[in-house]
N, C-alpha and C. Protein backbone atom coordinates (compact mmCIF):
# COMPACT_ATOMS: atom_id res chain seq x y z
N MET A 1 15.68 -4.99 11.22
CA MET A 1 14.34 -5.48 11.42
C MET A 1 13.40 -4.76 10.45
N LYS A 2 12.40 -5.46 9.96
CA LYS A 2 11.43 -4.91 9.02
C LYS A 2 10.13 -4.57 9.74
N GLU A 3 9.39 -3.64 9.17
CA GLU A 3 8.02 -3.38 9.62
C GLU A 3 7.11 -3.47 8.41
N TYR A 4 5.87 -3.86 8.65
CA TYR A 4 4.93 -4.12 7.57
C TYR A 4 3.65 -3.34 7.78
N LYS A 5 2.97 -3.05 6.69
CA LYS A 5 1.71 -2.33 6.74
C LYS A 5 0.82 -2.87 5.63
N ILE A 6 -0.48 -2.92 5.88
CA ILE A 6 -1.45 -3.29 4.85
C ILE A 6 -2.28 -2.05 4.55
N ILE A 7 -2.30 -1.68 3.28
CA ILE A 7 -3.11 -0.53 2.86
C ILE A 7 -4.19 -1.05 1.91
N LYS A 8 -5.32 -0.36 1.85
CA LYS A 8 -6.41 -0.84 1.01
C LYS A 8 -6.97 0.27 0.13
N GLN A 9 -7.52 -0.16 -0.98
CA GLN A 9 -8.16 0.72 -1.93
C GLN A 9 -9.51 1.15 -1.37
N THR A 10 -9.83 2.41 -1.54
CA THR A 10 -11.13 2.92 -1.08
C THR A 10 -11.80 3.69 -2.21
N GLY A 11 -13.09 3.85 -2.13
CA GLY A 11 -13.81 4.64 -3.12
C GLY A 11 -14.33 3.79 -4.27
N THR A 12 -14.75 4.45 -5.34
CA THR A 12 -15.28 3.76 -6.50
C THR A 12 -14.16 3.17 -7.34
N ALA A 13 -14.48 2.16 -8.12
CA ALA A 13 -13.46 1.38 -8.83
C ALA A 13 -12.54 2.22 -9.72
N ILE A 14 -13.08 3.01 -10.63
CA ILE A 14 -12.23 3.73 -11.59
C ILE A 14 -11.44 4.84 -10.91
N LYS A 15 -12.10 5.69 -10.14
CA LYS A 15 -11.41 6.80 -9.48
C LYS A 15 -10.43 6.28 -8.43
N SER A 16 -10.82 5.25 -7.70
CA SER A 16 -9.96 4.78 -6.63
C SER A 16 -8.72 4.07 -7.15
N GLN A 17 -8.76 3.56 -8.39
CA GLN A 17 -7.57 2.92 -8.94
C GLN A 17 -6.43 3.92 -9.03
N GLN A 18 -6.69 5.10 -9.55
CA GLN A 18 -5.65 6.13 -9.62
C GLN A 18 -5.27 6.61 -8.22
N ASN A 19 -6.26 6.77 -7.35
CA ASN A 19 -5.96 7.19 -5.98
C ASN A 19 -5.09 6.16 -5.25
N PHE A 20 -5.37 4.86 -5.49
CA PHE A 20 -4.60 3.80 -4.86
C PHE A 20 -3.16 3.80 -5.38
N GLU A 21 -3.02 4.01 -6.67
CA GLU A 21 -1.67 4.10 -7.24
C GLU A 21 -0.93 5.29 -6.64
N ASP A 22 -1.60 6.42 -6.50
CA ASP A 22 -0.98 7.60 -5.88
C ASP A 22 -0.60 7.30 -4.43
N LEU A 23 -1.46 6.56 -3.72
CA LEU A 23 -1.18 6.21 -2.32
C LEU A 23 0.07 5.33 -2.23
N ILE A 24 0.16 4.33 -3.10
CA ILE A 24 1.34 3.46 -3.11
C ILE A 24 2.60 4.27 -3.41
N ASN A 25 2.51 5.17 -4.38
CA ASN A 25 3.67 6.01 -4.71
C ASN A 25 4.06 6.93 -3.56
N SER A 26 3.09 7.41 -2.80
CA SER A 26 3.42 8.27 -1.66
C SER A 26 4.15 7.48 -0.58
N TYR A 27 3.76 6.20 -0.39
CA TYR A 27 4.48 5.36 0.57
C TYR A 27 5.88 5.04 0.06
N ALA A 28 6.04 4.87 -1.25
CA ALA A 28 7.36 4.59 -1.82
C ALA A 28 8.32 5.74 -1.52
N LYS A 29 7.82 6.97 -1.53
CA LYS A 29 8.66 8.13 -1.22
C LYS A 29 9.12 8.11 0.24
N MET A 30 8.41 7.34 1.08
CA MET A 30 8.78 7.22 2.50
C MET A 30 9.52 5.90 2.76
N ASP A 31 10.14 5.35 1.69
CA ASP A 31 10.97 4.14 1.75
C ASP A 31 10.19 2.84 1.95
N TRP A 32 8.87 2.84 1.74
CA TRP A 32 8.09 1.61 1.80
C TRP A 32 8.22 0.90 0.46
N LYS A 33 8.28 -0.41 0.49
CA LYS A 33 8.40 -1.23 -0.72
C LYS A 33 7.18 -2.14 -0.81
N LEU A 34 6.53 -2.14 -1.97
CA LEU A 34 5.38 -3.01 -2.21
C LEU A 34 5.88 -4.44 -2.34
N ILE A 35 5.33 -5.37 -1.52
CA ILE A 35 5.79 -6.75 -1.60
C ILE A 35 4.71 -7.71 -2.06
N ASN A 36 3.43 -7.32 -1.96
CA ASN A 36 2.36 -8.21 -2.40
C ASN A 36 1.06 -7.41 -2.55
N MET A 37 0.22 -7.86 -3.48
CA MET A 37 -1.11 -7.28 -3.63
C MET A 37 -2.11 -8.42 -3.70
N LEU A 38 -3.31 -8.18 -3.16
CA LEU A 38 -4.35 -9.19 -3.19
C LEU A 38 -5.71 -8.53 -3.18
N THR A 39 -6.71 -9.30 -3.56
CA THR A 39 -8.09 -8.83 -3.49
C THR A 39 -8.83 -9.67 -2.47
N HIS A 40 -9.49 -9.01 -1.54
CA HIS A 40 -10.27 -9.70 -0.52
C HIS A 40 -11.66 -9.07 -0.48
N ARG A 41 -12.67 -9.87 -0.78
CA ARG A 41 -14.06 -9.39 -0.82
C ARG A 41 -14.21 -8.16 -1.72
N GLY A 42 -13.53 -8.20 -2.85
CA GLY A 42 -13.64 -7.13 -3.83
C GLY A 42 -12.83 -5.88 -3.53
N ILE A 43 -12.03 -5.91 -2.47
CA ILE A 43 -11.21 -4.75 -2.10
C ILE A 43 -9.75 -5.09 -2.35
N LEU A 44 -9.09 -4.25 -3.14
CA LEU A 44 -7.68 -4.43 -3.44
C LEU A 44 -6.86 -3.98 -2.23
N LYS A 45 -5.92 -4.84 -1.82
CA LYS A 45 -5.06 -4.53 -0.68
C LYS A 45 -3.61 -4.72 -1.08
N ALA A 46 -2.74 -3.99 -0.44
CA ALA A 46 -1.30 -4.09 -0.71
C ALA A 46 -0.55 -4.26 0.61
N VAL A 47 0.45 -5.12 0.58
CA VAL A 47 1.33 -5.31 1.73
C VAL A 47 2.63 -4.60 1.40
N ILE A 48 3.04 -3.71 2.28
CA ILE A 48 4.28 -2.95 2.08
C ILE A 48 5.21 -3.16 3.25
N GLU A 49 6.51 -2.98 3.01
CA GLU A 49 7.50 -3.15 4.08
C GLU A 49 8.58 -2.09 3.96
N ARG A 50 9.26 -1.89 5.04
CA ARG A 50 10.46 -1.04 5.06
C ARG A 50 11.29 -1.44 6.27
N ASP A 51 12.52 -0.98 6.27
CA ASP A 51 13.36 -1.19 7.44
C ASP A 51 12.81 -0.36 8.58
N LYS A 52 12.67 -0.97 9.72
CA LYS A 52 12.13 -0.26 10.88
C LYS A 52 13.11 0.81 11.32
N LYS A 53 12.57 1.99 11.52
CA LYS A 53 13.42 3.11 11.93
C LYS A 53 13.71 3.00 13.42
N GLU A 54 14.96 3.21 13.77
CA GLU A 54 15.38 3.21 15.18
C GLU A 54 14.89 4.48 15.85
N GLU A 55 14.35 4.33 17.02
CA GLU A 55 13.85 5.51 17.76
C GLU A 55 14.70 5.81 18.95
């Protein structure tokens, strides 16, 4: 089974672009995979997924 998360860019455009890239990379280290990106009302958002961990 998969789980999904939506993350969004925050802050000013230039600085937040690098911060958003760093955020996506930090999720990648936790086995999240970027599956889609979109802009909604000027805010960049990313949809990520991973296999749901059994608890």
